[in-house]
Amino acid sequence: MADPKGFLTTGREVARTRPVAERVKDWNEVYVPGSLLPIISKQAGRCMDCGIPFCHNGCPLGNLIPEWNDYAYRGDWEAASERLHATNNFPEFTGRLCPAPCESACVLGINQPAVTIKNVEVTIIDKAWEAGHVTPQPPERLSGKTVAVIGSGPAGLAAAQQLTRAGHTVAVYERADRIGGLLRYGIPEFKMEKRHINRRIEQMRAEGTKFRTGVEIGRDLDARDLRRRYDAVVIAAGATTARDLPVPGRELNGIHQAMEYLPLANKVQEGDYVTSPISAEGKHVVVIGGGDTGADCVGTAHRQGAASVTQLEIMPRPSEERPPNQPWPTFPLLYKVTSAHEEGGERVYSVSTTRFEGDEDGNVQWLHLVEVEFKDGKFEQKPGTERKIPAQLVTLAMGFTGVDRTNGLVEQFGVELDARGNIARDGRYATSADGVFVAGDAGRGQSLIVWAIAEGRAAAAAVDRYLTGATDLPAPIRPTDRALTV
């Protein structure tokens, strides 16, 4: 145990963010550089090293949280990094982007603020990179087997790295022009600077993983040809079919899916554009959808100089405390104020969009909405609550409904889909097509980054077993597993 009295003597303290007026003028990460290190040892010392560490169960990766908390408390950053990497390929991603279901399951959280697990995690990995403790781990020998991974998001990268380290020759196919999937183009720079992805890619290249960008399986390369070329295939292409909003006026200019809007802002940061082709500058912006993607749109609009930003959510405003039906250690649905929300804008709950109104040139100008309430299993409009708000740029951030069905990948592989539009798989991540496996959102549906990495690792173990008859790779979860957080 780190500090036997730490949870009694030390209060919770989290990373400090830069002043709003400063950070909205740039795209750097919102946190004050180096602000965590002076406090993180004491924060790690709050960990009680519980006899039954529920944080393990809260984390789909099964992170060894009490162990690396102890090392961080003692300042042994190399040992902390080793224990962190034992279960997580990319802790710098999860430490910045994961909503931390582990903290919701923290035993201390029963009656006190939970341990700052996420902040400890990101400090350990940042120190590890700084000290040179993160190095390539190429395999000692090659197996002679080849694997293609489709998609370079967190699930695909985790599967590729595990399989490469097991000795297989792995090629990752990505339809975008750069590696990273939604990590690259769906996550704004102010949440995670892309240098974190770039150095992991270089580590993976040094280990032997090959990358092929600008190749969309199903369109640019027939999936059947790919299957014949490789001994096994892992589909980690995500759930990229965005949920739409079929209301009158949807065809007006200025209404875009979030994944049309956010990637362009990231491409500006990559140097591809001087300004985004879809910019919020000087416009009244409305974001439809109250989740993390919606918050990303809010923060992006602030940095582009929006005249106003309004975020709409059909659900009621969540509670700030655990609801009775979401007891510890489950992952509760709580009211969150992200860094983007701190920067301004209005959040409106329990409303539904009824139609869009445009000008004579076909550009959206107004959004009509109505208040709703949930009755008898459906949303009902409240009479007399209709109104309209200015909307010159609208982003739809309402989630995703399944794997892409437009590029031929599903049909060419001949894989079956489940009732939710995801690629069906058995208990070993195998699809209905021999030698074809699926991991991450493509099989699970829209989910968290920590689930994607966990599934990538588990699918890699299943592929290794398929190719060699046995495996030493860890398999943290099965497709049928559900942690206490779900």
Protein backbone atom coordinates (compact mmCIF):
# COMPACT_ATOMS: atom_id res chain seq x y z
CA MET A 1 0.00 0.00 0.00
CA ALA A 2 1.32 3.44 -0.92
CA ASP A 3 0.37 5.77 1.95
CA PRO A 4 -1.71 3.98 4.62
CA LYS A 5 -3.32 7.28 5.62
CA GLY A 6 -3.31 8.95 2.23
CA PHE A 7 -7.04 8.62 1.66
CA LEU A 8 -7.63 10.27 5.05
CA THR A 9 -5.11 13.10 4.87
CA THR A 10 -5.10 14.07 1.17
CA GLY A 11 -8.01 15.43 -0.80
CA ARG A 12 -8.62 14.81 -4.47
CA GLU A 13 -6.76 17.21 -6.76
CA VAL A 14 -6.89 17.01 -10.56
CA ALA A 15 -4.91 18.49 -13.41
CA ARG A 16 -5.20 22.26 -13.82
CA THR A 17 -6.43 23.66 -17.12
CA ARG A 18 -5.12 26.77 -18.80
CA PRO A 19 -7.27 29.93 -18.60
CA VAL A 20 -10.17 29.88 -21.05
CA ALA A 21 -9.20 33.19 -22.65
CA GLU A 22 -5.77 31.73 -23.43
CA ARG A 23 -6.60 28.25 -24.62
CA VAL A 24 -9.42 29.13 -27.02
CA LYS A 25 -6.84 31.06 -29.05
CA ASP A 26 -4.81 27.94 -29.82
CA TRP A 27 -5.24 24.20 -30.36
CA ASN A 28 -2.81 22.94 -27.75
CA GLU A 29 -3.99 20.59 -25.01
CA VAL A 30 -6.03 22.42 -22.40
CA TYR A 31 -3.99 21.32 -19.39
CA VAL A 32 -1.19 23.36 -17.84
CA PRO A 33 2.03 21.59 -18.92
CA GLY A 34 3.78 19.94 -15.99
CA SER A 35 0.99 20.79 -13.53
CA LEU A 36 0.39 17.18 -12.53
CA LEU A 37 3.84 16.06 -11.48
CA PRO A 38 4.08 18.06 -8.21
CA ILE A 39 0.80 16.63 -6.92
CA ILE A 40 0.60 13.19 -8.49
CA SER A 41 2.60 11.22 -5.91
CA LYS A 42 0.27 12.34 -3.13
CA GLN A 43 -2.75 11.61 -5.32
CA ALA A 44 -1.44 8.10 -6.03
CA GLY A 45 -0.94 7.72 -2.28
CA ARG A 46 -4.73 8.03 -1.80
CA CYS A 47 -5.09 4.52 -3.30
CA MET A 48 -6.08 2.07 -0.54
CA ASP A 49 -4.75 -1.08 -2.26
CA CYS A 50 -8.12 -2.70 -1.61
CA GLY A 51 -8.39 -6.40 -0.92
CA ILE A 52 -10.85 -6.54 -3.80
CA PRO A 53 -9.81 -3.72 -6.18
CA PHE A 54 -13.05 -2.92 -7.97
CA CYS A 55 -11.12 -0.54 -10.22
CA HIS A 56 -9.83 -3.69 -11.98
CA ASN A 57 -13.38 -4.66 -12.85
CA GLY A 58 -14.35 -1.14 -13.80
CA CYS A 59 -11.53 -1.09 -16.37
CA PRO A 60 -12.11 -3.33 -19.43
CA LEU A 61 -8.32 -3.64 -19.77
CA GLY A 62 -7.99 -4.91 -16.21
CA ASN A 63 -5.31 -2.29 -15.51
CA LEU A 64 -3.19 -3.10 -12.45
CA ILE A 65 -4.10 0.21 -10.87
CA PRO A 66 -3.10 -0.29 -7.20
CA GLU A 67 0.30 -1.59 -8.34
CA TRP A 68 1.23 1.36 -10.51
CA ASN A 69 -0.28 3.76 -7.97
CA ASP A 70 2.18 2.39 -5.42
CA TYR A 71 5.14 2.81 -7.77
CA ALA A 72 4.05 6.34 -8.69
CA TYR A 73 3.75 7.25 -5.01
CA ARG A 74 7.30 6.03 -4.45
CA GLY A 75 8.61 7.82 -7.56
CA ASP A 76 9.64 4.59 -9.32
CA TRP A 77 8.39 5.72 -12.73
CA GLU A 78 10.09 2.95 -14.70
CA ALA A 79 8.41 0.21 -12.65
CA ALA A 80 5.11 2.08 -12.84
CA SER A 81 5.43 2.23 -16.63
CA GLU A 82 6.14 -1.50 -16.83
CA ARG A 83 3.01 -2.37 -14.85
CA LEU A 84 0.94 0.11 -16.86
CA HIS A 85 2.09 -1.35 -20.19
CA ALA A 86 1.43 -4.87 -18.95
CA THR A 87 -2.26 -4.37 -19.72
CA ASN A 88 -2.47 -1.26 -21.92
CA ASN A 89 -0.65 -0.64 -25.20
CA PHE A 90 -1.46 3.06 -25.32
CA PRO A 91 -1.94 4.61 -21.86
CA GLU A 92 -1.23 8.10 -23.22
CA PHE A 93 -4.44 7.74 -25.26
CA THR A 94 -6.65 6.44 -22.46
CA GLY A 95 -5.08 8.80 -19.91
CA ARG A 96 -6.31 11.71 -22.01
CA LEU A 97 -9.50 10.41 -23.61
CA CYS A 98 -11.05 7.68 -21.47
CA PRO A 99 -14.00 8.75 -19.24
CA ALA A 100 -12.35 6.70 -16.46
CA PRO A 101 -14.89 4.02 -15.52
CA CYS A 102 -12.17 2.81 -13.14
CA GLU A 103 -12.72 5.90 -11.01
CA SER A 104 -16.46 5.22 -10.84
CA ALA A 105 -15.60 1.77 -9.46
CA CYS A 106 -12.96 3.01 -7.00
CA VAL A 107 -13.79 1.76 -3.50
CA LEU A 108 -12.84 5.13 -2.04
CA GLY A 109 -15.59 6.59 -4.22
CA ILE A 110 -18.27 5.00 -2.06
CA ASN A 111 -18.17 7.95 0.32
CA GLN A 112 -15.30 10.20 -0.86
CA PRO A 113 -13.98 11.59 -4.16
CA ALA A 114 -12.30 8.72 -6.01
CA VAL A 115 -8.58 8.36 -6.60
CA THR A 116 -7.43 10.40 -9.62
CA ILE A 117 -6.56 7.23 -11.52
CA LYS A 118 -6.67 8.82 -14.96
CA ASN A 119 -4.29 11.63 -13.97
CA VAL A 120 -1.85 9.16 -12.42
CA GLU A 121 -1.95 7.06 -15.58
CA VAL A 122 -1.12 9.91 -17.94
CA THR A 123 1.67 11.16 -15.67
CA ILE A 124 3.30 7.71 -15.61
CA ILE A 125 3.32 7.37 -19.39
CA ASP A 126 4.45 10.94 -20.02
CA LYS A 127 7.34 10.41 -17.60
CA ALA A 128 8.13 7.10 -19.33
CA TRP A 129 8.43 8.76 -22.74
CA GLU A 130 10.50 11.58 -21.27
CA ALA A 131 12.92 9.13 -19.61
CA GLY A 132 13.22 6.85 -22.64
CA HIS A 133 11.51 3.89 -20.98
CA VAL A 134 9.18 3.32 -23.97
CA THR A 135 11.18 1.44 -26.57
CA PRO A 136 10.38 -0.86 -29.52
CA GLN A 137 9.82 -4.51 -28.63
CA PRO A 138 10.41 -6.46 -31.85
CA PRO A 139 9.79 -10.21 -31.77
CA GLU A 140 12.72 -12.56 -31.23
CA ARG A 141 11.67 -14.68 -34.22
CA LEU A 142 9.07 -14.57 -36.98
CA SER A 143 6.26 -17.09 -37.24
CA GLY A 144 5.98 -17.03 -41.02
CA LYS A 145 2.29 -16.08 -40.70
CA THR A 146 0.78 -12.91 -42.10
CA VAL A 147 -2.11 -10.81 -40.78
CA ALA A 148 -3.96 -7.85 -42.27
CA VAL A 149 -5.61 -5.36 -39.90
CA ILE A 150 -8.29 -3.13 -41.42
CA GLY A 151 -8.48 0.17 -39.58
CA SER A 152 -5.91 2.06 -37.54
CA GLY A 153 -7.98 3.28 -34.63
CA PRO A 154 -7.24 2.10 -31.08
CA ALA A 155 -8.60 -1.43 -31.66
CA GLY A 156 -6.66 -1.93 -34.88
CA LEU A 157 -3.43 -0.52 -33.50
CA ALA A 158 -3.65 -2.63 -30.34
CA ALA A 159 -4.31 -5.80 -32.34
CA ALA A 160 -1.48 -5.00 -34.75
CA GLN A 161 1.07 -4.31 -32.04
CA GLN A 162 0.21 -7.48 -30.12
CA LEU A 163 0.34 -9.67 -33.23
CA THR A 164 3.61 -8.12 -34.40
CA ARG A 165 5.20 -8.77 -31.03
CA ALA A 166 3.97 -12.37 -31.25
CA GLY A 167 6.10 -12.78 -34.37
CA HIS A 168 3.55 -12.44 -37.15
CA THR A 169 4.02 -10.14 -40.13
CA VAL A 170 1.30 -7.51 -39.81
CA ALA A 171 0.08 -4.86 -42.25
CA VAL A 172 -2.42 -2.20 -41.18
CA TYR A 173 -4.71 -0.81 -43.89
CA GLU A 174 -6.19 2.65 -43.35
CA ARG A 175 -8.50 4.42 -45.79
CA ALA A 176 -7.52 7.90 -44.59
CA ASP A 177 -4.28 9.59 -45.56
CA ARG A 178 -2.77 9.21 -42.09
CA ILE A 179 -2.71 6.50 -39.45
CA GLY A 180 -4.85 6.86 -36.33
CA GLY A 181 -8.51 6.49 -37.30
CA LEU A 182 -10.79 8.56 -35.08
CA LEU A 183 -7.83 9.22 -32.79
CA ARG A 184 -6.32 11.19 -35.67
CA TYR A 185 -9.31 12.91 -37.21
CA GLY A 186 -12.17 12.55 -34.73
CA ILE A 187 -10.45 13.78 -31.57
CA PRO A 188 -9.60 17.50 -31.55
CA GLU A 189 -6.03 18.56 -30.97
CA PHE A 190 -6.95 20.34 -27.73
CA LYS A 191 -7.97 16.99 -26.22
CA MET A 192 -4.97 15.03 -27.49
CA GLU A 193 -2.11 16.44 -29.52
CA LYS A 194 -1.30 14.15 -32.43
CA ARG A 195 2.36 13.88 -31.49
CA HIS A 196 1.25 11.17 -29.08
CA ILE A 197 -0.02 9.08 -32.00
CA ASN A 198 3.01 9.81 -34.15
CA ARG A 199 5.56 8.46 -31.70
CA ARG A 200 3.53 5.28 -31.12
CA ILE A 201 3.41 4.73 -34.87
CA GLU A 202 7.19 5.08 -35.02
CA GLN A 203 7.54 2.56 -32.19
CA MET A 204 5.30 0.12 -34.06
CA ARG A 205 7.22 0.60 -37.31
CA ALA A 206 10.46 -0.16 -35.46
CA GLU A 207 8.86 -3.36 -34.16
CA GLY A 208 7.99 -4.44 -37.69
CA THR A 209 4.35 -3.40 -38.25
CA LYS A 210 3.68 -2.19 -41.81
CA PHE A 211 1.20 0.59 -42.58
CA ARG A 212 -0.75 1.19 -45.79
CA THR A 213 -2.64 4.50 -45.91
CA GLY A 214 -5.13 5.66 -48.52
CA VAL A 215 -6.41 2.11 -49.12
CA GLU A 216 -10.08 1.42 -48.47
CA ILE A 217 -10.81 -2.29 -48.35
CA GLY A 218 -13.90 -2.98 -50.44
CA ARG A 219 -13.31 -0.08 -52.82
CA ASP A 220 -9.59 0.25 -53.53
CA LEU A 221 -8.81 -3.38 -52.78
CA ASP A 222 -11.28 -6.25 -52.95
CA ALA A 223 -11.70 -7.89 -49.55
CA ARG A 224 -11.56 -11.35 -51.16
CA ASP A 225 -8.14 -10.58 -52.61
CA LEU A 226 -6.97 -9.37 -49.22
CA ARG A 227 -8.15 -12.57 -47.55
CA ARG A 228 -6.29 -14.71 -50.09
CA ARG A 229 -3.13 -12.71 -49.54
CA TYR A 230 -3.03 -13.09 -45.74
CA ASP A 231 -3.34 -15.97 -43.31
CA ALA A 232 -5.81 -14.01 -41.17
CA VAL A 233 -7.64 -10.69 -41.20
CA VAL A 234 -8.78 -8.46 -38.32
CA ILE A 235 -11.57 -6.00 -39.13
CA ALA A 236 -11.23 -2.96 -36.86
CA ALA A 237 -12.89 -0.44 -39.13
CA GLY A 238 -15.14 1.10 -36.49
CA ALA A 239 -18.86 1.83 -36.49
CA THR A 240 -18.81 4.75 -38.90
CA THR A 241 -22.43 4.92 -40.09
CA ALA A 242 -23.60 8.13 -38.44
CA ARG A 243 -27.14 8.51 -37.14
CA ASP A 244 -28.96 11.14 -39.22
CA LEU A 245 -31.82 13.53 -38.50
CA PRO A 246 -34.58 13.15 -41.13
CA VAL A 247 -36.56 16.35 -40.54
CA PRO A 248 -37.69 19.01 -43.02
CA GLY A 249 -34.81 21.23 -44.14
CA ARG A 250 -32.09 18.60 -43.58
CA GLU A 251 -30.89 19.19 -47.16
CA LEU A 252 -29.95 22.83 -46.47
CA ASN A 253 -26.33 23.93 -46.72
CA GLY A 254 -24.51 24.22 -43.41
CA ILE A 255 -25.83 21.04 -41.79
CA HIS A 256 -23.08 18.46 -41.36
CA GLN A 257 -22.33 15.26 -39.53
CA ALA A 258 -19.81 15.75 -36.71
CA MET A 259 -17.39 13.46 -38.54
CA GLU A 260 -17.54 15.75 -41.54
CA TYR A 261 -16.80 18.79 -39.39
CA LEU A 262 -14.17 17.59 -36.91
CA PRO A 263 -11.71 15.93 -39.33
CA LEU A 264 -11.38 19.14 -41.35
CA ALA A 265 -10.42 21.10 -38.24
CA ASN A 266 -7.77 18.47 -37.51
CA LYS A 267 -6.49 18.66 -41.07
CA VAL A 268 -5.86 22.36 -40.52
CA GLN A 269 -3.60 21.41 -37.62
CA GLU A 270 -1.84 18.88 -39.86
CA GLY A 271 -1.13 21.65 -42.37
CA ASP A 272 -3.47 20.42 -45.10
CA TYR A 273 -5.60 23.59 -45.01
CA VAL A 274 -5.02 27.17 -43.95
CA THR A 275 -8.62 27.40 -42.74
CA SER A 276 -11.26 24.71 -42.48
CA PRO A 277 -13.67 24.35 -45.43
CA ILE A 278 -16.40 24.06 -42.76
CA SER A 279 -15.74 26.85 -40.28
CA ALA A 280 -17.78 28.24 -37.40
CA GLU A 281 -16.18 31.67 -37.63
CA GLY A 282 -18.75 34.40 -37.03
CA LYS A 283 -21.66 31.93 -37.14
CA HIS A 284 -24.38 30.88 -34.74
CA VAL A 285 -23.56 27.20 -34.20
CA VAL A 286 -25.93 24.50 -33.00
CA VAL A 287 -24.61 21.09 -31.95
CA ILE A 288 -27.24 18.34 -31.81
CA GLY A 289 -26.16 15.62 -29.39
CA GLY A 290 -25.02 15.90 -25.79
CA GLY A 291 -22.18 13.36 -25.70
CA ASP A 292 -18.41 13.64 -25.98
CA THR A 293 -18.48 14.09 -29.76
CA GLY A 294 -20.90 16.97 -29.30
CA ALA A 295 -18.55 18.51 -26.74
CA ASP A 296 -15.71 18.17 -29.25
CA CYS A 297 -17.79 20.15 -31.74
CA VAL A 298 -18.44 22.80 -29.09
CA GLY A 299 -14.74 23.23 -28.31
CA THR A 300 -13.84 23.31 -31.99
CA ALA A 301 -16.47 25.98 -32.71
CA HIS A 302 -15.10 28.15 -29.88
CA ARG A 303 -11.61 28.02 -31.37
CA GLN A 304 -12.90 28.86 -34.82
CA GLY A 305 -14.53 32.03 -33.50
CA ALA A 306 -18.24 31.17 -33.44
CA ALA A 307 -20.67 33.97 -32.67
CA SER A 308 -22.60 31.62 -30.36
CA VAL A 309 -22.69 27.92 -29.58
CA THR A 310 -25.77 26.00 -28.44
CA GLN A 311 -25.76 22.27 -27.68
CA LEU A 312 -29.07 20.39 -27.78
CA GLU A 313 -29.89 17.09 -26.07
CA ILE A 314 -33.16 15.19 -26.25
CA MET A 315 -32.61 13.55 -22.85
CA PRO A 316 -33.20 15.36 -19.53
CA ARG A 317 -30.27 17.00 -17.76
CA PRO A 318 -28.42 14.27 -15.82
CA SER A 319 -28.00 14.43 -12.08
CA GLU A 320 -24.77 15.73 -10.53
CA GLU A 321 -24.89 12.89 -7.97
CA ARG A 322 -25.27 9.14 -8.48
CA PRO A 323 -28.92 8.28 -9.20
CA PRO A 324 -30.34 5.51 -6.96
CA ASN A 325 -30.64 3.18 -9.96
CA GLN A 326 -26.92 3.57 -10.80
CA PRO A 327 -25.20 2.57 -7.54
CA TRP A 328 -21.49 2.10 -6.95
CA PRO A 329 -19.53 0.51 -8.65
CA THR A 330 -21.48 1.02 -11.91
CA PHE A 331 -20.54 3.77 -14.33
CA PRO A 332 -23.18 6.44 -13.66
CA LEU A 333 -24.69 8.84 -16.15
CA LEU A 334 -23.80 12.18 -14.57
CA TYR A 335 -23.86 15.81 -15.60
CA LYS A 336 -20.39 16.55 -16.96
CA VAL A 337 -18.76 19.90 -17.55
CA THR A 338 -15.96 19.28 -20.02
CA SER A 339 -13.22 21.75 -20.86
CA ALA A 340 -15.23 22.72 -23.95
CA HIS A 341 -18.27 23.57 -21.84
CA GLU A 342 -16.12 25.69 -19.52
CA GLU A 343 -15.30 27.83 -22.55
CA GLY A 344 -18.86 29.05 -23.05
CA GLY A 345 -22.03 28.27 -24.94
CA GLU A 346 -25.46 27.12 -23.84
CA ARG A 347 -26.67 23.58 -23.16
CA VAL A 348 -30.35 22.86 -23.65
CA TYR A 349 -31.92 19.57 -22.48
CA SER A 350 -35.21 17.79 -23.19
CA VAL A 351 -35.67 19.31 -26.63
CA SER A 352 -36.16 17.83 -30.10
CA THR A 353 -35.47 19.41 -33.47
CA THR A 354 -38.60 19.64 -35.64
CA ARG A 355 -37.25 21.35 -38.75
CA PHE A 356 -34.60 23.61 -40.24
CA GLU A 357 -35.30 26.91 -41.97
CA GLY A 358 -33.03 28.46 -44.59
CA ASP A 359 -32.56 31.59 -46.66
CA GLU A 360 -33.25 32.05 -50.36
CA ASP A 361 -29.78 30.69 -51.22
CA GLY A 362 -30.43 27.38 -49.46
CA ASN A 363 -28.29 28.05 -46.39
CA VAL A 364 -29.56 27.07 -42.96
CA GLN A 365 -30.49 30.07 -40.77
CA TRP A 366 -32.85 28.80 -38.08
CA LEU A 367 -33.48 25.61 -36.13
CA HIS A 368 -37.02 24.94 -34.86
CA LEU A 369 -37.28 22.90 -31.67
CA VAL A 370 -39.82 21.79 -29.13
CA GLU A 371 -39.58 20.62 -25.53
CA VAL A 372 -40.19 16.92 -24.96
CA GLU A 373 -40.81 14.52 -22.09
CA PHE A 374 -40.40 10.77 -21.93
CA LYS A 375 -43.73 8.97 -21.43
CA ASP A 376 -44.73 5.34 -21.96
CA GLY A 377 -41.45 4.46 -23.64
CA LYS A 378 -41.35 7.36 -26.11
CA PHE A 379 -40.71 11.08 -26.32
CA GLU A 380 -43.79 13.28 -26.50
CA GLN A 381 -43.79 16.93 -27.49
CA LYS A 382 -45.04 19.52 -25.03
CA PRO A 383 -47.69 21.71 -26.71
CA GLY A 384 -46.93 25.41 -26.75
CA THR A 385 -43.15 25.01 -26.28
CA GLU A 386 -42.13 25.42 -29.91
CA ARG A 387 -39.50 28.04 -30.68
CA LYS A 388 -36.66 28.71 -33.06
CA ILE A 389 -33.01 29.59 -32.50
CA PRO A 390 -30.43 31.03 -34.92
CA ALA A 391 -28.37 28.31 -36.64
CA GLN A 392 -25.94 29.07 -39.44
CA LEU A 393 -23.86 25.94 -38.84
CA VAL A 394 -25.36 22.73 -37.46
CA THR A 395 -23.39 19.63 -36.52
CA LEU A 396 -25.07 16.27 -35.91
CA ALA A 397 -23.38 14.37 -33.10
CA MET A 398 -26.01 11.74 -32.35
CA GLY A 399 -23.89 8.62 -32.44
CA PHE A 400 -23.41 5.79 -34.90
CA THR A 401 -25.59 2.91 -36.02
CA GLY A 402 -23.11 0.30 -37.22
CA VAL A 403 -20.35 -0.63 -39.62
CA ASP A 404 -20.06 1.04 -43.04
CA ARG A 405 -22.22 -0.83 -45.56
CA THR A 406 -21.41 1.36 -48.58
CA ASN A 407 -17.88 0.27 -49.46
CA GLY A 408 -18.43 -3.45 -50.16
CA LEU A 409 -16.31 -4.75 -47.28
CA VAL A 410 -19.14 -6.64 -45.57
CA GLU A 411 -20.43 -8.23 -48.77
CA GLN A 412 -17.01 -9.14 -50.16
CA PHE A 413 -15.90 -10.85 -46.97
CA GLY A 414 -19.31 -12.49 -46.67
CA VAL A 415 -19.55 -11.74 -42.96
CA GLU A 416 -22.88 -11.70 -41.16
CA LEU A 417 -24.25 -8.76 -39.21
CA ASP A 418 -26.03 -8.80 -35.88
CA ALA A 419 -29.36 -7.15 -35.11
CA ARG A 420 -27.67 -3.81 -34.35
CA GLY A 421 -25.83 -3.57 -37.64
CA ASN A 422 -22.45 -4.66 -36.27
CA ILE A 423 -20.34 -7.50 -37.64
CA ALA A 424 -21.37 -10.66 -35.78
CA ARG A 425 -18.67 -12.67 -33.99
CA ASP A 426 -18.41 -15.63 -31.66
CA GLY A 427 -16.68 -15.90 -28.27
CA ARG A 428 -13.28 -15.78 -29.95
CA TYR A 429 -13.87 -12.69 -32.09
CA ALA A 430 -14.27 -14.86 -35.20
CA THR A 431 -16.78 -13.78 -37.84
CA SER A 432 -18.80 -16.11 -40.05
CA ALA A 433 -15.93 -16.03 -42.59
CA ASP A 434 -13.03 -18.36 -41.89
CA GLY A 435 -9.90 -16.56 -40.75
CA VAL A 436 -11.64 -13.19 -40.49
CA PHE A 437 -11.94 -11.65 -37.01
CA VAL A 438 -13.48 -8.41 -35.77
CA ALA A 439 -12.58 -6.12 -32.87
CA GLY A 440 -13.66 -2.78 -31.52
CA ASP A 441 -16.67 -0.74 -32.60
CA ALA A 442 -17.09 -2.72 -35.85
CA GLY A 443 -18.21 -5.69 -33.75
CA ARG A 444 -19.20 -4.08 -30.47
CA GLY A 445 -20.93 -0.95 -31.69
CA GLN A 446 -20.04 2.59 -30.64
CA SER A 447 -18.15 2.40 -27.37
CA LEU A 448 -15.21 3.72 -25.34
CA ILE A 449 -11.55 3.88 -26.33
CA VAL A 450 -10.66 1.61 -23.41
CA TRP A 451 -13.02 -1.07 -24.74
CA ALA A 452 -11.48 -0.72 -28.21
CA ILE A 453 -7.95 -1.34 -26.93
CA ALA A 454 -9.14 -4.23 -24.76
CA GLU A 455 -10.92 -5.84 -27.70
CA GLY A 456 -7.91 -5.31 -29.96
CA ARG A 457 -5.69 -7.13 -27.46
CA ALA A 458 -8.21 -9.93 -26.96
CA ALA A 459 -8.78 -10.37 -30.70
CA ALA A 460 -5.01 -10.55 -31.23
CA ALA A 461 -4.84 -13.46 -28.80
CA ALA A 462 -7.65 -15.20 -30.68
CA VAL A 463 -5.88 -14.69 -34.03
CA ASP A 464 -2.59 -15.94 -32.59
CA ARG A 465 -4.35 -19.08 -31.36
CA TYR A 466 -6.00 -19.54 -34.77
CA LEU A 467 -2.64 -19.29 -36.55
CA THR A 468 -0.48 -21.34 -34.20
CA GLY A 469 -2.83 -23.46 -32.09
CA ALA A 470 -1.90 -21.71 -28.84
CA THR A 471 -1.10 -18.24 -27.54
CA ASP A 472 0.80 -16.46 -24.79
CA LEU A 473 -0.88 -13.14 -25.55
CA PRO A 474 -3.17 -11.85 -22.79
CA ALA A 475 -6.90 -11.76 -23.57
CA PRO A 476 -8.51 -9.32 -21.14
CA ILE A 477 -12.09 -9.81 -22.33
CA ARG A 478 -14.39 -11.86 -24.54
CA PRO A 479 -17.03 -10.30 -26.81
CA THR A 480 -19.74 -11.44 -24.39
CA ASP A 481 -18.08 -9.89 -21.33
CA ARG A 482 -19.72 -6.89 -19.73
CA ALA A 483 -17.85 -5.03 -17.01
CA LEU A 484 -19.72 -3.49 -14.09
CA THR A 485 -19.51 -0.19 -15.97
CA VAL A 486 -21.87 -1.16 -18.78
